[in-house]
Each structure stands twice: as C-alpha cells, then as structure tokens.
Amino acid sequence: MKILLAVSIMLTSSFALSGNELFDAQFYTKKLANELNDERKNTVDLVGLSDTVYICSVSASESAYRMSNRSGISIKRVSLKPRNIGLSTADAWEQKALIELSKKTLTEYYAQTNAPTGKYLRYVKPLIVKEGCLSCHGSDAQVGQDVSRELRAHYPHDQARNYSVGDVIGGISVKIKIK
C-alpha cells in the first residue's frame, strides 16, 4: 500500500489534473470490466462456453467503442499477448504500463503524456486471470476442443493462451485529454 501511495503521489504531483480525469478513467474502466464480465457470464449460461468466443471477437470491442463514443474518451482492452492482434495490441506506453502492472505491486498505472494535440492522462487498469478465464486462456489441457476450434477460427494468430490464475492478461486502457 505504501508503494502504491508513493507512486500515485509521484505521478499525480508531476502534472495538474482538473480532478475529474483520474476519476473518469477509474469509473469507465470499472464500468467496462463489469459490463464485459456480466455479458460473458450471461452468454455462458445461455448458449455455452464455445459461444463466448464471440464476446472477445466482436462484442467486447463494440462495447469499448460504444463507451468511447458516449464518453468522448478513448477506452480499449490491450495486452502484451493479444488474442485479437488488430484491436488489442498495446502501444509502447501501454506495454510499459502492463509490464509494471505484471509485477503486481500496483493496482493501476497512470501518467501524463504529451502529444501534438495536447496533454493526456493515460491510464491502465489490469485485467487479472480468474479460474473461469482458463477455459479460453489456459493451457491446451484446460481449453476444450470446441473452444479451441472456435479460437482457431476467430484468431489464427492467437497469443492469449497458457495463463494461470492471478496473471495479468492485459488491461483496460483509457486516454483522456487534460483540459
């Protein structure tokens, strides 16, 4: 806790936020994570595990896109080992954030970044592997044949396998322009 507090103080003291940017980033990451988790659970209950691959291939990206459009901020899921390479590959800043979060000493990672269009709060909240994740993201022995077939069909270059409970599988990344 002391490490997290020290890092938070160090990061926030290096730039001025209006007060809402960090709150908004935390709010929207939690909202998206809850929405995706609820949708995954409902889909498993209704149609079975192999059909939940749809959530990752289409629905999760659509949910993040809709949330970005409604809120006016950039929200997406990213990973160092993406399943959906075109939509989930982390940029250089997000890669650094995910590497730091993988050390499990922080519960969130954020900083101000500068771009030609202005200053931004960049924020990543880690997505942690739970037992239920292993049926799609675990070892070959943990992923059934039906799920493996669906994954190969949707993700021929899948890298998001062989995780264990507690691993950081990726994160929800938010980018907010600082006013």
Foldseek 3Di string as FASTA:
>chain_A
DVVQVVQVCVQPVVDPFPPCQVVVVVVVQVVLVVVLVVVLVVCCVPPRDLVSVCCVLPVSQVVQVVVCVVVVWHKAWEFCFAQPVVGHHDDPVQVVQLVVVQVVPYQKDWHWDADPVAIKIKIWGFDFDDPVCQCQAADPVNDDPSNVVSSCVRGVRGRRHHDDGGGGGTTMMIIGHGD
